[in-house]
Amino acid sequence: MSGLFSTFNVAKRGINVQQKAIDVTSHNISNANTVGYSRQRARIETTRPFGMPTLNNAAEPGQLGTGAQIAAIERIRDSFLDYQIRTETSTMSKYNTRDKFLSEIESIINEPSDTGISTLIGKFFDSWQQLSKQPQGSNARTVVAQQSAALADALNHAAKQLNKLQTNAQDLIRNNVTDINSLLDQLDNLNREIIGVKSAGNMPNDLMDRRDLLLDELSTKFNINIDKKAYEGINIKPADDNGMKVPNLVSADRNEDVSRFSYISSVEKDIEDPSGTTYKITYYKLGKMNSESNKQTITVKGMDELNAKKLTETRVLWSNSEGKAVRADGSAIEDGAVINIMELKSFVPYAGELKGNMSIHEDINDYKDQLNKLAKAIAFSVNAVHSGLSDAKSNTNKDYLPFLLMEMLHYIVKITK
């Protein structure tokens, strides 16, 4: 119906629409420095016009407009860019973590330098060269003993520092596990709130911003896949689910089970099994080591040293929402259970900060092995030359070895024990 009041109503609607648009702009300006905030805009559309043809109303030359209304307040956000950024963030976090640890290893090895191991090795053999010219000289013997002790101390110090660095990496893995589980719990709660608001007919923009911010943070820990569901709900799972039947960490379906992660504190060989293929694994539910009630122990059969080494390096198990370790089919492994190695499911992502901390374990073990091999090679080679035997390794306790040589061997070989 046209008329003066209709004109006033159109004007009123227009004023209300522009007022809401100004409110949205004010909200954007207020959150210009808010971390994770996505700019919003008011989507304006026309209201239902007059002049719709009906049985009692003949068609007119044109429909009479009734003004405008706010159809929705939308976030300006590109989901494709979110995917790209989160994928690359995982990769960057992995290498940033490795860079930090490898820089620490570089400072421990300290090569090349005037005080490094290579320099001490040179001085060590130089002292032996001088001793060969004056075998009866006490000064030459003293220098050999001092250089032997200095070299052995340097190797020993490097090994101890690498052990400390490895312990730090393990602590960071445990912290990652607790942080990841905390992020997943927050995401799960936000997911439910968003679905509830959306199903009521509203758009939960600010809640979705908070969820995206948490997703960005989670992507720094490991690589994730996100599946969008109805009412703006999402499912979250790792990009590599390791063959798990229940890989979802966050689910839009309340009735669906979700997974979490637990931290392995120790992997020890079972001394009661003479075959050496049985290990005792101790882990803490959800990585929470502040209570002994979270401590769980399982016995794993059919496990070799390589499996034990990998498990010691990764230290993360798939678990249910309560933190109990699970098999691939999602069934829980009870405390004290005896299982086969194939039933144990460890979580090993291929990117993220968690992967960086895991991979550095292997590097540190390699450097420790190289130090041990270097120490053994020096000790056994010197003993072989000095004793005149082709293999002095099995004759290090013979009485004819000089006391000086035995002291050198004691200093060097002790780091391999």
Protein backbone atom coordinates (compact mmCIF):
# COMPACT_ATOMS: atom_id res chain seq x y z
CA MET A 1 0.00 0.00 0.00
CA SER A 2 1.44 3.32 -1.07
CA GLY A 3 1.00 6.62 0.75
CA LEU A 4 2.61 8.99 3.19
CA PHE A 5 2.96 6.41 5.96
CA SER A 6 4.54 3.98 3.50
CA THR A 7 7.10 6.64 2.63
CA PHE A 8 7.86 7.20 6.31
CA ASN A 9 8.29 3.45 6.85
CA VAL A 10 10.73 3.19 3.95
CA ALA A 11 12.73 6.08 5.39
CA LYS A 12 12.67 4.54 8.86
CA ARG A 13 13.91 1.22 7.52
CA GLY A 14 16.68 3.00 5.63
CA ILE A 15 17.80 4.89 8.75
CA ASN A 16 17.80 1.68 10.82
CA VAL A 17 19.80 -0.16 8.17
CA GLN A 18 22.43 2.57 7.96
CA GLN A 19 22.59 2.78 11.74
CA LYS A 20 23.35 -0.94 11.93
CA ALA A 21 25.93 -0.55 9.18
CA ILE A 22 27.58 2.22 11.21
CA ASP A 23 27.52 -0.06 14.29
CA VAL A 24 29.30 -2.75 12.31
CA THR A 25 31.90 -0.21 11.14
CA SER A 26 32.38 0.97 14.74
CA HIS A 27 32.86 -2.64 15.82
CA ASN A 28 35.53 -3.07 13.13
CA ILE A 29 37.37 0.09 14.20
CA SER A 30 37.23 -0.90 17.89
CA ASN A 31 38.84 -4.26 17.09
CA ALA A 32 41.45 -2.98 14.66
CA ASN A 33 44.22 -4.26 16.97
CA THR A 34 42.40 -7.33 18.28
CA VAL A 35 44.42 -10.48 17.53
CA GLY A 36 42.43 -12.90 15.40
CA TYR A 37 39.61 -10.48 14.60
CA SER A 38 38.06 -10.72 11.13
CA ARG A 39 36.57 -7.60 9.61
CA GLN A 40 32.76 -7.71 9.33
CA ARG A 41 30.32 -6.14 6.95
CA ALA A 42 26.55 -5.71 6.86
CA ARG A 43 24.91 -7.41 3.90
CA ILE A 44 22.01 -5.19 2.85
CA GLU A 45 19.09 -6.40 0.74
CA THR A 46 15.68 -5.09 -0.29
CA THR A 47 12.58 -5.90 1.77
CA ARG A 48 9.50 -7.62 0.34
CA PRO A 49 7.85 -5.21 -2.12
CA PHE A 50 4.19 -4.25 -2.50
CA GLY A 51 2.27 -5.07 -5.65
CA MET A 52 2.75 -8.82 -5.61
CA PRO A 53 0.08 -10.29 -7.94
CA THR A 54 -2.63 -12.20 -6.05
CA LEU A 55 -6.21 -13.37 -6.69
CA ASN A 56 -7.57 -10.13 -5.26
CA ASN A 57 -4.83 -7.85 -6.57
CA ALA A 58 -4.27 -7.31 -10.26
CA ALA A 59 -0.78 -7.05 -11.66
CA GLU A 60 0.59 -3.54 -11.75
CA PRO A 61 3.23 -2.03 -14.07
CA GLY A 62 5.87 -2.51 -11.41
CA GLN A 63 6.30 -3.62 -7.81
CA LEU A 64 6.51 -0.89 -5.22
CA GLY A 65 9.65 -1.19 -3.08
CA THR A 66 9.41 -1.05 0.69
CA GLY A 67 13.00 -0.20 1.55
CA ALA A 68 16.03 -2.15 2.77
CA GLN A 69 17.02 -4.46 5.59
CA ILE A 70 20.14 -6.14 7.03
CA ALA A 71 20.17 -9.70 5.72
CA ALA A 72 23.27 -10.75 7.66
CA ILE A 73 26.45 -9.48 9.28
CA GLU A 74 29.23 -11.45 7.62
CA ARG A 75 32.90 -12.01 8.32
CA ILE A 76 35.31 -11.12 5.52
CA ARG A 77 37.53 -14.17 5.62
CA ASP A 78 39.03 -16.42 2.95
CA SER A 79 38.90 -20.08 3.97
CA PHE A 80 41.37 -21.01 1.23
CA LEU A 81 43.96 -18.60 2.64
CA ASP A 82 43.29 -20.03 6.12
CA TYR A 83 44.09 -23.50 4.79
CA GLN A 84 47.28 -22.30 3.09
CA ILE A 85 48.48 -20.36 6.10
CA ARG A 86 47.85 -23.23 8.54
CA THR A 87 49.62 -25.72 6.30
CA GLU A 88 52.68 -23.51 5.95
CA THR A 89 52.58 -22.55 9.63
CA SER A 90 52.97 -26.22 10.56
CA THR A 91 55.97 -26.54 8.27
CA MET A 92 57.54 -23.31 9.54
CA SER A 93 57.05 -24.30 13.20
CA LYS A 94 58.80 -27.61 12.60
CA TYR A 95 61.89 -25.98 11.13
CA ASN A 96 61.92 -23.10 13.62
CA THR A 97 62.03 -25.66 16.43
CA ARG A 98 64.80 -27.61 14.71
CA ASP A 99 66.73 -24.40 14.09
CA LYS A 100 66.69 -23.52 17.80
CA PHE A 101 67.96 -26.95 18.87
CA LEU A 102 70.52 -27.29 16.09
CA SER A 103 71.90 -23.88 17.07
CA GLU A 104 72.31 -25.21 20.62
CA ILE A 105 74.06 -28.32 19.29
CA GLU A 106 76.34 -26.12 17.21
CA SER A 107 77.37 -24.17 20.30
CA ILE A 108 78.00 -27.42 22.21
CA ILE A 109 80.20 -28.96 19.52
CA ASN A 110 81.84 -25.54 19.00
CA GLU A 111 83.63 -26.36 15.76
CA PRO A 112 85.81 -25.05 14.26
CA SER A 113 87.42 -23.15 17.12
CA ASP A 114 90.66 -22.88 19.09
CA THR A 115 89.07 -24.68 22.04
CA GLY A 116 87.05 -27.29 20.16
CA ILE A 117 87.40 -31.06 20.15
CA SER A 118 89.33 -31.12 16.86
CA THR A 119 91.93 -28.73 18.31
CA LEU A 120 92.25 -30.86 21.47
CA ILE A 121 92.69 -33.98 19.33
CA GLY A 122 95.52 -32.26 17.50
CA LYS A 123 97.18 -31.27 20.78
CA PHE A 124 96.64 -34.78 22.12
CA PHE A 125 98.53 -36.44 19.27
CA ASP A 126 101.16 -33.71 19.29
CA SER A 127 101.88 -34.56 22.92
CA TRP A 128 102.32 -38.22 21.97
CA GLN A 129 104.65 -37.18 19.18
CA GLN A 130 106.79 -35.29 21.68
CA LEU A 131 106.69 -38.26 24.06
CA SER A 132 107.98 -40.55 21.30
CA LYS A 133 111.07 -38.32 21.03
CA GLN A 134 111.66 -38.32 24.81
CA PRO A 135 110.02 -41.50 26.14
CA GLN A 136 111.80 -41.20 29.50
CA GLY A 137 111.05 -37.53 30.05
CA SER A 138 108.68 -36.82 32.91
CA ASN A 139 107.61 -33.50 31.41
CA ALA A 140 106.53 -35.17 28.17
CA ARG A 141 104.60 -37.80 30.13
CA THR A 142 102.89 -35.10 32.17
CA VAL A 143 101.85 -33.23 29.01
CA VAL A 144 100.38 -36.44 27.53
CA ALA A 145 98.37 -37.03 30.70
CA GLN A 146 97.11 -33.45 30.73
CA GLN A 147 96.14 -33.46 27.06
CA SER A 148 94.45 -36.84 27.46
CA ALA A 149 92.42 -35.53 30.39
CA ALA A 150 91.54 -32.32 28.52
CA LEU A 151 90.34 -34.24 25.47
CA ALA A 152 88.36 -36.71 27.56
CA ASP A 153 86.79 -33.90 29.61
CA ALA A 154 85.77 -32.08 26.42
CA LEU A 155 84.14 -35.20 25.00
CA ASN A 156 82.48 -35.92 28.33
CA HIS A 157 81.21 -32.33 28.66
CA ALA A 158 79.78 -32.39 25.13
CA ALA A 159 77.97 -35.67 25.85
CA LYS A 160 76.50 -34.30 29.08
CA GLN A 161 75.32 -31.13 27.33
CA LEU A 162 73.67 -33.19 24.60
CA ASN A 163 71.92 -35.26 27.27
CA LYS A 164 70.59 -32.07 28.88
CA LEU A 165 69.42 -30.80 25.50
CA GLN A 166 67.62 -34.08 24.87
CA THR A 167 65.91 -33.81 28.25
CA ASN A 168 64.77 -30.31 27.32
CA ALA A 169 63.30 -31.64 24.07
CA GLN A 170 61.41 -34.30 26.03
CA ASP A 171 60.02 -31.67 28.40
CA LEU A 172 58.86 -29.63 25.41
CA ILE A 173 57.08 -32.67 23.96
CA ARG A 174 55.23 -33.12 27.25
CA ASN A 175 54.33 -29.41 27.28
CA ASN A 176 53.14 -29.72 23.70
CA VAL A 177 50.88 -32.63 24.64
CA THR A 178 49.22 -30.72 27.50
CA ASP A 179 48.90 -27.58 25.37
CA ILE A 180 47.36 -29.51 22.48
CA ASN A 181 44.82 -31.22 24.73
CA SER A 182 43.91 -27.86 26.28
CA LEU A 183 43.45 -26.28 22.84
CA LEU A 184 41.27 -29.19 21.73
CA ASP A 185 39.03 -28.83 24.79
CA GLN A 186 38.61 -25.10 24.12
CA LEU A 187 37.87 -25.75 20.44
CA ASP A 188 35.31 -28.38 21.38
CA ASN A 189 33.47 -25.95 23.68
CA LEU A 190 33.53 -23.16 21.08
CA ASN A 191 32.34 -25.56 18.42
CA ARG A 192 29.25 -26.41 20.47
CA GLU A 193 28.54 -22.73 21.23
CA ILE A 194 28.79 -21.82 17.55
CA ILE A 195 26.45 -24.61 16.49
CA GLY A 196 23.94 -23.54 19.15
CA VAL A 197 23.99 -19.87 18.10
CA LYS A 198 23.81 -20.70 14.39
CA SER A 199 20.94 -23.15 14.83
CA ALA A 200 19.04 -20.36 16.62
CA GLY A 201 19.29 -18.25 13.46
CA ASN A 202 22.13 -15.91 14.41
CA MET A 203 25.67 -15.57 13.05
CA PRO A 204 28.33 -16.14 15.77
CA ASN A 205 31.06 -14.07 14.08
CA ASP A 206 33.11 -13.27 17.18
CA LEU A 207 32.94 -16.86 18.41
CA MET A 208 34.14 -18.05 15.01
CA ASP A 209 37.03 -15.59 15.20
CA ARG A 210 38.05 -17.05 18.55
CA ARG A 211 37.82 -20.55 17.10
CA ASP A 212 39.94 -19.60 14.07
CA LEU A 213 42.55 -18.07 16.36
CA LEU A 214 42.76 -21.34 18.31
CA LEU A 215 42.96 -23.28 15.04
CA ASP A 216 45.89 -21.10 13.98
CA GLU A 217 47.60 -21.86 17.28
CA LEU A 218 46.86 -25.58 16.97
CA SER A 219 48.36 -25.62 13.46
CA THR A 220 51.70 -24.53 14.95
CA LYS A 221 51.73 -27.75 17.01
CA PHE A 222 51.00 -30.21 14.19
CA ASN A 223 49.38 -30.36 10.77
CA ILE A 224 45.56 -30.48 10.87
CA ASN A 225 42.62 -31.13 8.56
CA ILE A 226 39.31 -29.30 9.05
CA ASP A 227 35.96 -30.56 7.73
CA LYS A 228 33.08 -28.10 7.77
CA LYS A 229 29.70 -29.37 8.94
CA ALA A 230 26.19 -27.99 9.30
CA TYR A 231 25.53 -24.85 11.36
CA GLU A 232 29.16 -23.73 11.04
CA GLY A 233 30.37 -26.75 13.00
CA ILE A 234 33.70 -28.37 12.17
CA ASN A 235 35.51 -31.67 12.60
CA ILE A 236 39.25 -31.51 13.34
CA LYS A 237 41.72 -34.34 12.84
CA PRO A 238 45.45 -34.66 12.14
CA ALA A 239 46.49 -34.62 8.49
CA ASP A 240 48.05 -38.05 9.14
CA ASP A 241 45.74 -40.16 11.31
CA ASN A 242 48.10 -43.19 11.53
CA GLY A 243 45.23 -45.52 10.58
CA MET A 244 43.11 -44.65 13.61
CA LYS A 245 39.42 -45.56 13.45
CA VAL A 246 38.55 -42.52 15.59
CA PRO A 247 40.88 -39.79 14.28
CA ASN A 248 38.62 -36.83 15.09
CA LEU A 249 39.98 -34.60 17.83
CA VAL A 250 36.97 -32.27 17.72
CA SER A 251 33.60 -33.34 16.35
CA ALA A 252 30.46 -31.40 15.47
CA ASP A 253 28.45 -34.48 16.46
CA ARG A 254 28.05 -34.68 20.22
CA ASN A 255 27.49 -38.42 20.07
CA GLU A 256 30.79 -39.11 18.31
CA ASP A 257 33.87 -40.16 20.27
CA VAL A 258 36.95 -37.94 20.08
CA SER A 259 40.63 -38.68 20.63
CA ARG A 260 43.31 -37.00 22.72
CA PHE A 261 47.04 -37.55 23.35
CA SER A 262 49.10 -38.86 26.27
CA TYR A 263 52.80 -38.57 27.10
CA ILE A 264 55.24 -41.47 27.49
CA SER A 265 57.59 -40.85 30.40
CA SER A 266 59.72 -44.00 30.10
CA VAL A 267 60.38 -47.03 27.88
CA GLU A 268 62.28 -49.74 29.75
CA LYS A 269 63.21 -53.30 28.84
CA ASP A 270 61.49 -55.96 30.95
CA ILE A 271 64.33 -57.77 32.76
CA GLU A 272 62.06 -60.77 33.40
CA ASP A 273 61.94 -61.58 29.69
CA PRO A 274 65.26 -63.19 28.59
CA SER A 275 64.40 -62.70 24.91
CA GLY A 276 64.68 -58.93 25.32
CA THR A 277 61.54 -58.26 23.25
CA THR A 278 59.30 -57.14 26.11
CA TYR A 279 59.21 -53.54 27.32
CA LYS A 280 57.46 -51.68 30.11
CA ILE A 281 55.95 -48.40 28.94
CA THR A 282 54.89 -45.78 31.46
CA TYR A 283 52.77 -42.89 30.33
CA TYR A 284 50.68 -40.12 31.88
CA LYS A 285 47.12 -39.52 30.79
CA LEU A 286 46.77 -36.32 28.74
CA GLY A 287 50.39 -35.50 29.65
CA LYS A 288 49.43 -34.44 33.18
CA MET A 289 52.34 -35.49 35.39
CA ASN A 290 51.20 -33.51 38.42
CA SER A 291 49.30 -36.50 39.83
CA GLU A 292 50.30 -40.14 40.22
CA SER A 293 46.69 -41.11 39.56
CA ASN A 294 47.33 -40.27 35.90
CA LYS A 295 50.25 -42.69 35.71
CA GLN A 296 49.62 -45.80 33.59
CA THR A 297 51.87 -48.76 32.78
CA ILE A 298 51.47 -51.27 29.96
CA THR A 299 53.62 -54.21 28.90
CA VAL A 300 54.42 -54.44 25.19
CA LYS A 301 55.61 -57.70 23.61
CA GLY A 302 57.34 -58.23 20.28
CA MET A 303 59.24 -54.97 20.57
CA ASP A 304 62.85 -54.63 19.39
CA GLU A 305 65.43 -51.96 20.20
CA LEU A 306 64.60 -49.98 17.07
CA ASN A 307 60.91 -49.76 18.07
CA ALA A 308 61.95 -48.75 21.59
CA LYS A 309 64.28 -46.07 20.21
CA LYS A 310 61.56 -44.60 18.00
CA LEU A 311 59.05 -44.63 20.84
CA THR A 312 61.56 -42.88 23.11
CA GLU A 313 62.05 -40.20 20.48
CA THR A 314 58.34 -39.58 19.76
CA ARG A 315 56.79 -40.17 23.25
CA VAL A 316 53.18 -39.42 22.24
CA LEU A 317 50.33 -41.94 22.29
CA TRP A 318 46.85 -41.78 20.86
CA SER A 319 44.34 -41.87 23.69
CA ASN A 320 40.62 -41.46 24.33
CA SER A 321 39.03 -38.37 25.85
CA GLU A 322 39.98 -39.62 29.32
CA GLY A 323 43.65 -40.01 28.39
CA LYS A 324 43.83 -43.82 28.26
CA ALA A 325 45.96 -45.23 25.46
CA VAL A 326 43.88 -46.77 22.66
CA ARG A 327 44.29 -49.30 19.90
CA ALA A 328 43.65 -48.48 16.24
CA ASP A 329 39.99 -49.45 16.62
CA GLY A 330 39.55 -46.96 19.47
CA SER A 331 39.32 -49.52 22.29
CA ALA A 332 41.07 -48.45 25.50
CA ILE A 333 44.18 -50.22 26.83
CA GLU A 334 43.73 -50.71 30.56
CA ASP A 335 46.44 -50.01 33.11
CA GLY A 336 48.72 -53.03 33.52
CA ALA A 337 47.56 -54.67 30.27
CA VAL A 338 49.87 -56.86 28.16
CA ILE A 339 49.65 -56.07 24.44
CA ASN A 340 51.50 -56.67 21.19
CA ILE A 341 53.59 -53.93 19.59
CA MET A 342 51.12 -53.77 16.69
CA GLU A 343 48.33 -52.70 19.08
CA LEU A 344 50.23 -49.68 20.34
CA LYS A 345 49.48 -46.49 18.39
CA SER A 346 51.93 -43.63 18.66
CA PHE A 347 51.22 -40.22 17.20
CA VAL A 348 53.91 -38.95 14.83
CA PRO A 349 52.92 -35.91 12.74
CA TYR A 350 55.00 -34.90 9.74
CA ALA A 351 55.02 -31.17 10.52
CA GLY A 352 54.58 -28.71 13.37
CA GLU A 353 56.42 -27.86 16.57
CA LEU A 354 55.71 -31.34 17.93
CA LYS A 355 57.44 -32.98 14.98
CA GLY A 356 60.39 -30.61 15.37
CA ASN A 357 60.88 -31.66 18.99
CA MET A 358 60.55 -35.33 18.04
CA SER A 359 62.99 -35.17 15.15
CA ILE A 360 65.67 -33.44 17.19
CA HIS A 361 65.89 -36.53 19.44
CA GLU A 362 67.16 -38.57 16.51
CA ASP A 363 69.74 -35.91 15.65
CA ILE A 364 71.01 -35.72 19.23
CA ASN A 365 71.28 -39.52 19.41
CA ASP A 366 73.32 -39.49 16.20
CA TYR A 367 75.70 -36.87 17.58
CA LYS A 368 76.08 -38.82 20.83
CA ASP A 369 76.86 -41.98 18.88
CA GLN A 370 79.49 -40.13 16.85
CA LEU A 371 81.11 -38.80 20.04
CA ASN A 372 81.17 -42.30 21.53
CA LYS A 373 82.67 -43.79 18.37
CA LEU A 374 85.28 -41.03 18.28
CA ALA A 375 86.23 -41.62 21.93
CA LYS A 376 86.49 -45.39 21.47
CA ALA A 377 88.47 -45.07 18.24
CA ILE A 378 91.03 -42.75 19.85
CA ALA A 379 91.44 -44.92 22.93
CA PHE A 380 91.72 -48.25 21.09
CA SER A 381 93.95 -46.88 18.33
CA VAL A 382 96.41 -45.34 20.78
CA ASN A 383 96.46 -48.51 22.86
CA ALA A 384 97.03 -50.65 19.78
CA VAL A 385 99.98 -48.55 18.60
CA HIS A 386 101.52 -48.24 22.07
CA SER A 387 101.19 -51.93 22.90
CA GLY A 388 102.19 -53.15 19.46
CA LEU A 389 99.01 -55.23 19.19
CA SER A 390 96.65 -55.16 16.22
CA ASP A 391 93.65 -55.08 18.54
CA ALA A 392 94.14 -53.46 21.92
CA LYS A 393 90.43 -53.35 22.67
CA SER A 394 90.43 -56.76 24.33
CA ASN A 395 93.76 -56.22 26.06
CA THR A 396 93.24 -52.95 27.90
CA ASN A 397 93.72 -54.59 31.29
CA LYS A 398 97.08 -56.24 30.57
CA ASP A 399 99.83 -55.49 33.06
CA TYR A 400 102.32 -54.38 30.41
CA LEU A 401 100.25 -51.31 29.53
CA PRO A 402 101.90 -48.28 31.17
CA PHE A 403 100.06 -46.57 33.97
CA LEU A 404 100.02 -43.35 31.93
CA LEU A 405 98.18 -45.06 29.06
CA MET A 406 95.69 -46.62 31.44
CA GLU A 407 94.92 -43.16 32.88
CA MET A 408 94.33 -41.81 29.39
CA LEU A 409 92.05 -44.73 28.58
CA HIS A 410 90.15 -44.21 31.84
CA TYR A 411 89.45 -40.59 31.02
CA ILE A 412 88.37 -41.21 27.44
CA VAL A 413 86.34 -44.39 27.69
CA LYS A 414 84.33 -43.24 30.72
CA ILE A 415 81.97 -41.16 28.55
CA THR A 416 80.93 -44.28 26.68
CA LYS A 417 79.64 -46.00 29.78
